[in-house]
Each structure stands twice: as structure tokens, then as C-alpha cells.
Amino acid sequence: MKTIVDRAADFVLAVERVFGVAPRLLDGSRAVLIGDVKLSLEARETELCLIRMHGALEEWLAVFEVRGEIEVPLLQAKEFLASG
């Protein structure tokens, strides 16, 4: 039997669990906004992109590989934001 993993299905809930705030949904369930930071699942949901929004301009801060549980790259992104 083949198992289908849909990381986007749990993405919004996982963001809320990790960051402790309800994110603003941007692009279906694949991108959310927390303050001025956009978290976006890209490349067939194998990359988590961390983007700071400056109005309509985007400043790409980091990209984290998604392998397995979505919480792992979300925790890495939270740590990245806290460090600087």
C-alpha cells in the first residue's frame, strides 16, 4: 500500500503550534504570514522559505529542507529568526 504525505495539510496548524500565534493565510495552505515574515512551502513542499516582507518587496532570508515532519524546519526557522 502506498502512503501519501501531504505536508501542506498540516502546515498552518504546525506553524501555530511552533510559533504560538495564529498565522495569516496567504496562498491556500502553502504560505502564511507572521508579522512581516512569510513562511512558504516551495518546490513540491520540499523547501520551507523564510521571507521578510517590505511592503510588496520580498527579502529572502533562508531556505530549509523539509524531510518528514514539517515541525523540524519550522523550528529551524524560528531559531533563525530569534538569532538575528
PDB file of N, CA and C in Angstrom:
ATOM      1  N   MET A   1       0.837  -1.173   0.000  1.00  0.00           N
ATOM      2  CA  MET A   1       0.000   0.000   0.000  1.00  0.00           C
ATOM      3  C   MET A   1       0.889   1.246   0.000  1.00  0.00           C
ATOM      4  N   LYS A   2       0.542   2.215  -0.831  1.00  0.00           N
ATOM      5  CA  LYS A   2       1.293   3.456  -0.948  1.00  0.00           C
ATOM      6  C   LYS A   2       0.723   4.487   0.030  1.00  0.00           C
ATOM      7  N   THR A   3       1.608   5.184   0.724  1.00  0.00           N
ATOM      8  CA  THR A   3       1.197   6.227   1.661  1.00  0.00           C
ATOM      9  C   THR A   3       1.459   7.586   1.036  1.00  0.00           C
ATOM     10  N   ILE A   4       0.476   8.448   1.075  1.00  0.00           N
ATOM     11  CA  ILE A   4       0.615   9.801   0.539  1.00  0.00           C
ATOM     12  C   ILE A   4       0.800  10.759   1.712  1.00  0.00           C
ATOM     13  N   VAL A   5       1.861  11.552   1.647  1.00  0.00           N
ATOM     14  CA  VAL A   5       2.145  12.524   2.689  1.00  0.00           C
ATOM     15  C   VAL A   5       1.845  13.905   2.141  1.00  0.00           C
ATOM     16  N   ASP A   6       0.940  14.626   2.786  1.00  0.00           N
ATOM     17  CA  ASP A   6       0.575  15.980   2.367  1.00  0.00           C
ATOM     18  C   ASP A   6       1.023  16.949   3.453  1.00  0.00           C
ATOM     19  N   ARG A   7       2.245  17.485   3.291  1.00  0.00           N
ATOM     20  CA  ARG A   7       2.800  18.395   4.291  1.00  0.00           C
ATOM     21  C   ARG A   7       1.970  19.672   4.416  1.00  0.00           C
ATOM     22  N   ALA A   8       1.390  20.100   3.323  1.00  0.00           N
ATOM     23  CA  ALA A   8       0.612  21.339   3.336  1.00  0.00           C
ATOM     24  C   ALA A   8      -0.640  21.204   4.188  1.00  0.00           C
ATOM     25  N   ALA A   9      -1.163  19.996   4.309  1.00  0.00           N
ATOM     26  CA  ALA A   9      -2.378  19.793   5.089  1.00  0.00           C
ATOM     27  C   ALA A   9      -2.163  20.144   6.553  1.00  0.00           C
ATOM     28  N   ASP A  10      -0.970  19.935   7.078  1.00  0.00           N
ATOM     29  CA  ASP A  10      -0.681  20.213   8.485  1.00  0.00           C
ATOM     30  C   ASP A  10       0.121  21.496   8.672  1.00  0.00           C
ATOM     31  N   PHE A  11       0.490  22.156   7.587  1.00  0.00           N
ATOM     32  CA  PHE A  11       1.403  23.298   7.639  1.00  0.00           C
ATOM     33  C   PHE A  11       0.888  24.433   8.533  1.00  0.00           C
ATOM     34  N   VAL A  12      -0.330  24.885   8.305  1.00  0.00           N
ATOM     35  CA  VAL A  12      -0.866  26.028   9.056  1.00  0.00           C
ATOM     36  C   VAL A  12      -0.963  25.689  10.539  1.00  0.00           C
ATOM     37  N   LEU A  13      -1.463  24.507  10.861  1.00  0.00           N
ATOM     38  CA  LEU A  13      -1.574  24.092  12.260  1.00  0.00           C
ATOM     39  C   LEU A  13      -0.192  23.955  12.905  1.00  0.00           C
ATOM     40  N   ALA A  14       0.775  23.443  12.162  1.00  0.00           N
ATOM     41  CA  ALA A  14       2.128  23.305  12.684  1.00  0.00           C
ATOM     42  C   ALA A  14       2.766  24.668  12.937  1.00  0.00           C
ATOM     43  N   VAL A  15       2.538  25.633  12.060  1.00  0.00           N
ATOM     44  CA  VAL A  15       3.053  26.992  12.263  1.00  0.00           C
ATOM     45  C   VAL A  15       2.493  27.559  13.559  1.00  0.00           C
ATOM     46  N   GLU A  16       1.205  27.366  13.786  1.00  0.00           N
ATOM     47  CA  GLU A  16       0.574  27.868  15.006  1.00  0.00           C
ATOM     48  C   GLU A  16       1.161  27.186  16.244  1.00  0.00           C
ATOM     49  N   ARG A  17       1.402  25.881  16.172  1.00  0.00           N
ATOM     50  CA  ARG A  17       1.993  25.149  17.306  1.00  0.00           C
ATOM     51  C   ARG A  17       3.414  25.640  17.601  1.00  0.00           C
ATOM     52  N   VAL A  18       4.229  25.801  16.570  1.00  0.00           N
ATOM     53  CA  VAL A  18       5.637  26.152  16.761  1.00  0.00           C
ATOM     54  C   VAL A  18       5.808  27.618  17.171  1.00  0.00           C
ATOM     55  N   PHE A  19       5.102  28.523  16.509  1.00  0.00           N
ATOM     56  CA  PHE A  19       5.283  29.955  16.761  1.00  0.00           C
ATOM     57  C   PHE A  19       4.351  30.497  17.843  1.00  0.00           C
ATOM     58  N   GLY A  20       3.317  29.742  18.195  1.00  0.00           N
ATOM     59  CA  GLY A  20       2.428  30.154  19.278  1.00  0.00           C
ATOM     60  C   GLY A  20       1.458  31.262  18.932  1.00  0.00           C
ATOM     61  N   VAL A  21       1.297  31.564  17.652  1.00  0.00           N
ATOM     62  CA  VAL A  21       0.339  32.578  17.195  1.00  0.00           C
ATOM     63  C   VAL A  21      -0.412  32.044  15.983  1.00  0.00           C
ATOM     64  N   ALA A  22      -1.599  32.563  15.779  1.00  0.00           N
ATOM     65  CA  ALA A  22      -2.374  32.177  14.597  1.00  0.00           C
ATOM     66  C   ALA A  22      -1.846  32.954  13.392  1.00  0.00           C
ATOM     67  N   PRO A  23      -1.324  32.268  12.380  1.00  0.00           N
ATOM     68  CA  PRO A  23      -0.772  32.967  11.211  1.00  0.00           C
ATOM     69  C   PRO A  23      -1.873  33.423  10.263  1.00  0.00           C
ATOM     70  N   ARG A  24      -1.544  34.411   9.444  1.00  0.00           N
ATOM     71  CA  ARG A  24      -2.453  34.859   8.386  1.00  0.00           C
ATOM     72  C   ARG A  24      -2.207  34.002   7.152  1.00  0.00           C
ATOM     73  N   LEU A  25      -3.238  33.394   6.640  1.00  0.00           N
ATOM     74  CA  LEU A  25      -3.133  32.514   5.476  1.00  0.00           C
ATOM     75  C   LEU A  25      -2.994  33.345   4.206  1.00  0.00           C
ATOM     76  N   LEU A  26      -1.992  33.024   3.364  1.00  0.00           N
ATOM     77  CA  LEU A  26      -1.744  33.803   2.156  1.00  0.00           C
ATOM     78  C   LEU A  26      -2.080  33.071   0.862  1.00  0.00           C
ATOM     79  N   ASP A  27      -1.575  31.871   0.699  1.00  0.00           N
ATOM     80  CA  ASP A  27      -1.685  31.177  -0.580  1.00  0.00           C
ATOM     81  C   ASP A  27      -2.221  29.771  -0.341  1.00  0.00           C
ATOM     82  N   GLY A  28      -3.539  29.651  -0.245  1.00  0.00           N
ATOM     83  CA  GLY A  28      -4.099  28.349   0.090  1.00  0.00           C
ATOM     84  C   GLY A  28      -3.575  27.934   1.439  1.00  0.00           C
ATOM     85  N   SER A  29      -2.969  26.776   1.525  1.00  0.00           N
ATOM     86  CA  SER A  29      -2.378  26.339   2.786  1.00  0.00           C
ATOM     87  C   SER A  29      -0.860  26.235   2.670  1.00  0.00           C
ATOM     88  N   ARG A  30      -0.283  26.870   1.659  1.00  0.00           N
ATOM     89  CA  ARG A  30       1.153  26.726   1.436  1.00  0.00           C
ATOM     90  C   ARG A  30       1.979  27.952   1.798  1.00  0.00           C
ATOM     91  N   ALA A  31       1.366  29.030   2.216  1.00  0.00           N
ATOM     92  CA  ALA A  31       2.107  30.222   2.639  1.00  0.00           C
ATOM     93  C   ALA A  31       1.318  30.944   3.725  1.00  0.00           C
ATOM     94  N   VAL A  32       2.053  31.379   4.758  1.00  0.00           N
ATOM     95  CA  VAL A  32       1.425  32.110   5.862  1.00  0.00           C
ATOM     96  C   VAL A  32       2.292  33.314   6.208  1.00  0.00           C
ATOM     97  N   LEU A  33       1.677  34.260   6.895  1.00  0.00           N
ATOM     98  CA  LEU A  33       2.374  35.470   7.316  1.00  0.00           C
ATOM     99  C   LEU A  33       2.291  35.578   8.829  1.00  0.00           C
ATOM    100  N   ILE A  34       3.449  35.781   9.448  1.00  0.00           N
ATOM    101  CA  ILE A  34       3.529  36.039  10.888  1.00  0.00           C
ATOM    102  C   ILE A  34       4.264  37.360  11.025  1.00  0.00           C
ATOM    103  N   GLY A  35       3.540  38.403  11.396  1.00  0.00           N
ATOM    104  CA  GLY A  35       4.144  39.735  11.429  1.00  0.00           C
ATOM    105  C   GLY A  35       4.541  40.142  10.024  1.00  0.00           C
ATOM    106  N   ASP A  36       5.829  40.416   9.814  1.00  0.00           N
ATOM    107  CA  ASP A  36       6.308  40.772   8.474  1.00  0.00           C
ATOM    108  C   ASP A  36       7.089  39.635   7.819  1.00  0.00           C
ATOM    109  N   VAL A  37       6.971  38.425   8.382  1.00  0.00           N
ATOM    110  CA  VAL A  37       7.701  37.271   7.860  1.00  0.00           C
ATOM    111  C   VAL A  37       6.735  36.288   7.210  1.00  0.00           C
ATOM    112  N   LYS A  38       7.059  35.951   5.981  1.00  0.00           N
ATOM    113  CA  LYS A  38       6.266  34.982   5.217  1.00  0.00           C
ATOM    114  C   LYS A  38       6.972  33.630   5.256  1.00  0.00           C
ATOM    115  N   LEU A  39       6.224  32.586   5.590  1.00  0.00           N
ATOM    116  CA  LEU A  39       6.717  31.215   5.553  1.00  0.00           C
ATOM    117  C   LEU A  39       6.002  30.539   4.401  1.00  0.00           C
ATOM    118  N   SER A  40       6.755  29.991   3.464  1.00  0.00           N
ATOM    119  CA  SER A  40       6.156  29.447   2.256  1.00  0.00           C
ATOM    120  C   SER A  40       6.736  28.080   1.920  1.00  0.00           C
ATOM    121  N   LEU A  41       5.863  27.114   1.647  1.00  0.00           N
ATOM    122  CA  LEU A  41       6.303  25.807   1.166  1.00  0.00           C
ATOM    123  C   LEU A  41       6.496  25.904  -0.343  1.00  0.00           C
ATOM    124  N   GLU A  42       7.676  25.525  -0.806  1.00  0.00           N
ATOM    125  CA  GLU A  42       8.015  25.610  -2.226  1.00  0.00           C
ATOM    126  C   GLU A  42       8.568  24.276  -2.712  1.00  0.00           C
ATOM    127  N   ALA A  43       8.805  24.184  -4.005  1.00  0.00           N
ATOM    128  CA  ALA A  43       9.455  23.026  -4.639  1.00  0.00           C
ATOM    129  C   ALA A  43       8.775  21.725  -4.240  1.00  0.00           C
ATOM    130  N   ARG A  44       7.500  21.643  -4.560  1.00  0.00           N
ATOM    131  CA  ARG A  44       6.709  20.444  -4.244  1.00  0.00           C
ATOM    132  C   ARG A  44       6.715  20.129  -2.758  1.00  0.00           C
ATOM    133  N   GLU A  45       6.704  21.167  -1.949  1.00  0.00           N
ATOM    134  CA  GLU A  45       6.644  21.072  -0.489  1.00  0.00           C
ATOM    135  C   GLU A  45       7.881  20.424   0.119  1.00  0.00           C
ATOM    136  N   THR A  46       9.029  20.558  -0.550  1.00  0.00           N
ATOM    137  CA  THR A  46      10.279  20.021  -0.017  1.00  0.00           C
ATOM    138  C   THR A  46      11.181  21.122   0.527  1.00  0.00           C
ATOM    139  N   GLU A  47      10.762  22.384   0.393  1.00  0.00           N
ATOM    140  CA  GLU A  47      11.532  23.514   0.911  1.00  0.00           C
ATOM    141  C   GLU A  47      10.606  24.467   1.660  1.00  0.00           C
ATOM    142  N   LEU A  48      11.094  24.932   2.807  1.00  0.00           N
ATOM    143  CA  LEU A  48      10.394  25.963   3.561  1.00  0.00           C
ATOM    144  C   LEU A  48      11.189  27.248   3.395  1.00  0.00           C
ATOM    145  N   CYS A  49      10.592  28.227   2.758  1.00  0.00           N
ATOM    146  CA  CYS A  49      11.266  29.504   2.504  1.00  0.00           C
ATOM    147  C   CYS A  49      10.854  30.518   3.553  1.00  0.00           C
ATOM    148  N   LEU A  50      11.827  31.237   4.055  1.00  0.00           N
ATOM    149  CA  LEU A  50      11.627  32.270   5.058  1.00  0.00           C
ATOM    150  C   LEU A  50      11.882  33.612   4.382  1.00  0.00           C
ATOM    151  N   ILE A  51      10.848  34.441   4.303  1.00  0.00           N
ATOM    152  CA  ILE A  51      10.897  35.672   3.514  1.00  0.00           C
ATOM    153  C   ILE A  51      10.399  36.842   4.352  1.00  0.00           C
ATOM    154  N   ARG A  52      11.189  37.902   4.452  1.00  0.00           N
ATOM    155  CA  ARG A  52      10.738  39.108   5.153  1.00  0.00           C
ATOM    156  C   ARG A  52      10.078  40.021   4.123  1.00  0.00           C
ATOM    157  N   MET A  53       8.882  40.478   4.436  1.00  0.00           N
ATOM    158  CA  MET A  53       8.126  41.324   3.528  1.00  0.00           C
ATOM    159  C   MET A  53       8.373  42.795   3.860  1.00  0.00           C
ATOM    160  N   HIS A  54       8.669  43.562   2.843  1.00  0.00           N
ATOM    161  CA  HIS A  54       8.831  45.022   2.945  1.00  0.00           C
ATOM    162  C   HIS A  54       7.815  45.622   1.982  1.00  0.00           C
ATOM    163  N   GLY A  55       6.561  45.725   2.422  1.00  0.00           N
ATOM    164  CA  GLY A  55       5.503  46.138   1.504  1.00  0.00           C
ATOM    165  C   GLY A  55       5.322  45.066   0.451  1.00  0.00           C
ATOM    166  N   ALA A  56       5.490  45.436  -0.811  1.00  0.00           N
ATOM    167  CA  ALA A  56       5.375  44.469  -1.905  1.00  0.00           C
ATOM    168  C   ALA A  56       6.707  43.782  -2.221  1.00  0.00           C
ATOM    169  N   LEU A  57       7.799  44.252  -1.598  1.00  0.00           N
ATOM    170  CA  LEU A  57       9.120  43.677  -1.848  1.00  0.00           C
ATOM    171  C   LEU A  57       9.395  42.515  -0.901  1.00  0.00           C
ATOM    172  N   GLU A  58      10.106  41.520  -1.401  1.00  0.00           N
ATOM    173  CA  GLU A  58      10.446  40.347  -0.609  1.00  0.00           C
ATOM    174  C   GLU A  58      11.955  40.287  -0.389  1.00  0.00           C
ATOM    175  N   GLU A  59      12.352  40.018   0.847  1.00  0.00           N
ATOM    176  CA  GLU A  59      13.761  39.784   1.181  1.00  0.00           C
ATOM    177  C   GLU A  59      13.880  38.323   1.621  1.00  0.00           C
ATOM    178  N   TRP A  60      14.481  37.511   0.762  1.00  0.00           N
ATOM    179  CA  TRP A  60      14.619  36.085   1.058  1.00  0.00           C
ATOM    180  C   TRP A  60      15.701  35.908   2.109  1.00  0.00           C
ATOM    181  N   LEU A  61      15.334  35.337   3.252  1.00  0.00           N
ATOM    182  CA  LEU A  61      16.261  35.196   4.366  1.00  0.00           C
ATOM    183  C   LEU A  61      16.932  33.827   4.404  1.00  0.00           C
ATOM    184  N   ALA A  62      16.149  32.772   4.201  1.00  0.00           N
ATOM    185  CA  ALA A  62      16.701  31.416   4.312  1.00  0.00           C
ATOM    186  C   ALA A  62      15.754  30.415   3.672  1.00  0.00           C
ATOM    187  N   VAL A  63      16.301  29.251   3.365  1.00  0.00           N
ATOM    188  CA  VAL A  63      15.519  28.127   2.846  1.00  0.00           C
ATOM    189  C   VAL A  63      15.909  26.895   3.659  1.00  0.00           C
ATOM    190  N   PHE A  64      14.904  26.181   4.166  1.00  0.00           N
ATOM    191  CA  PHE A  64      15.129  24.989   4.968  1.00  0.00           C
ATOM    192  C   PHE A  64      14.531  23.789   4.250  1.00  0.00           C
ATOM    193  N   GLU A  65      15.287  22.692   4.213  1.00  0.00           N
ATOM    194  CA  GLU A  65      14.809  21.480   3.554  1.00  0.00           C
ATOM    195  C   GLU A  65      13.773  20.795   4.435  1.00  0.00           C
ATOM    196  N   VAL A  66      12.688  20.335   3.812  1.00  0.00           N
ATOM    197  CA  VAL A  66      11.633  19.627   4.525  1.00  0.00           C
ATOM    198  C   VAL A  66      11.798  18.139   4.249  1.00  0.00           C
ATOM    199  N   ARG A  67      12.110  17.393   5.301  1.00  0.00           N
ATOM    200  CA  ARG A  67      12.201  15.932   5.221  1.00  0.00           C
ATOM    201  C   ARG A  67      11.367  15.385   6.364  1.00  0.00           C
ATOM    202  N   GLY A  68      10.316  14.687   6.059  1.00  0.00           N
ATOM    203  CA  GLY A  68       9.483  14.125   7.123  1.00  0.00           C
ATOM    204  C   GLY A  68       8.589  15.181   7.757  1.00  0.00           C
ATOM    205  N   GLU A  69       8.681  15.311   9.072  1.00  0.00           N
ATOM    206  CA  GLU A  69       7.801  16.203   9.822  1.00  0.00           C
ATOM    207  C   GLU A  69       8.074  17.673   9.507  1.00  0.00           C
ATOM    208  N   ILE A  70       7.012  18.432   9.320  1.00  0.00           N
ATOM    209  CA  ILE A  70       7.128  19.860   8.987  1.00  0.00           C
ATOM    210  C   ILE A  70       7.626  20.679  10.180  1.00  0.00           C
ATOM    211  N   GLU A  71       7.445  20.161  11.406  1.00  0.00           N
ATOM    212  CA  GLU A  71       7.871  20.906  12.591  1.00  0.00           C
ATOM    213  C   GLU A  71       9.376  21.149  12.627  1.00  0.00           C
ATOM    214  N   VAL A  72      10.174  20.228  12.083  1.00  0.00           N
ATOM    215  CA  VAL A  72      11.634  20.363  12.132  1.00  0.00           C
ATOM    216  C   VAL A  72      12.100  21.629  11.413  1.00  0.00           C
ATOM    217  N   PRO A  73      11.759  21.855  10.143  1.00  0.00           N
ATOM    218  CA  PRO A  73      12.193  23.105   9.508  1.00  0.00           C
ATOM    219  C   PRO A  73      11.516  24.344  10.114  1.00  0.00           C
ATOM    220  N   LEU A  74      10.313  24.192  10.646  1.00  0.00           N
ATOM    221  CA  LEU A  74       9.667  25.334  11.306  1.00  0.00           C
ATOM    222  C   LEU A  74      10.443  25.738  12.558  1.00  0.00           C
ATOM    223  N   LEU A  75      10.908  24.759  13.325  1.00  0.00           N
ATOM    224  CA  LEU A  75      11.724  25.057  14.498  1.00  0.00           C
ATOM    225  C   LEU A  75      13.055  25.704  14.091  1.00  0.00           C
ATOM    226  N   GLN A  76      13.638  25.244  12.980  1.00  0.00           N
ATOM    227  CA  GLN A  76      14.868  25.852  12.461  1.00  0.00           C
ATOM    228  C   GLN A  76      14.617  27.303  12.057  1.00  0.00           C
ATOM    229  N   ALA A  77      13.485  27.552  11.419  1.00  0.00           N
ATOM    230  CA  ALA A  77      13.135  28.921  11.010  1.00  0.00           C
ATOM    231  C   ALA A  77      12.925  29.814  12.225  1.00  0.00           C
ATOM    232  N   LYS A  78      12.270  29.303  13.257  1.00  0.00           N
ATOM    233  CA  LYS A  78      12.039  30.080  14.468  1.00  0.00           C
ATOM    234  C   LYS A  78      13.368  30.417  15.135  1.00  0.00           C
ATOM    235  N   GLU A  79      14.275  29.448  15.202  1.00  0.00           N
ATOM    236  CA  GLU A  79      15.599  29.668  15.771  1.00  0.00           C
ATOM    237  C   GLU A  79      16.385  30.695  14.955  1.00  0.00           C
ATOM    238  N   PHE A  80      16.299  30.610  13.630  1.00  0.00           N
ATOM    239  CA  PHE A  80      16.968  31.549  12.729  1.00  0.00           C
ATOM    240  C   PHE A  80      16.485  32.975  13.000  1.00  0.00           C
ATOM    241  N   LEU A  81      15.168  33.140  13.118  1.00  0.00           N
ATOM    242  CA  LEU A  81      14.602  34.471  13.364  1.00  0.00           C
ATOM    243  C   LEU A  81      15.015  35.006  14.749  1.00  0.00           C
ATOM    244  N   ALA A  82      15.084  34.136  15.731  1.00  0.00           N
ATOM    245  CA  ALA A  82      15.456  34.554  17.085  1.00  0.00           C
ATOM    246  C   ALA A  82      16.921  34.955  17.176  1.00  0.00           C
ATOM    247  N   SER A  83      17.767  34.384  16.309  1.00  0.00           N
ATOM    248  CA  SER A  83      19.194  34.655  16.361  1.00  0.00           C
ATOM    249  C   SER A  83      19.600  35.970  15.707  1.00  0.00           C
ATOM    250  N   GLY A  84      18.674  36.562  15.017  1.00  0.00           N
ATOM    251  CA  GLY A  84      19.142  37.799  14.441  1.00  0.00           C
ATOM    252  C   GLY A  84      18.244  38.449  13.509  1.00  0.00           C
TER     253      GLY A  84
END
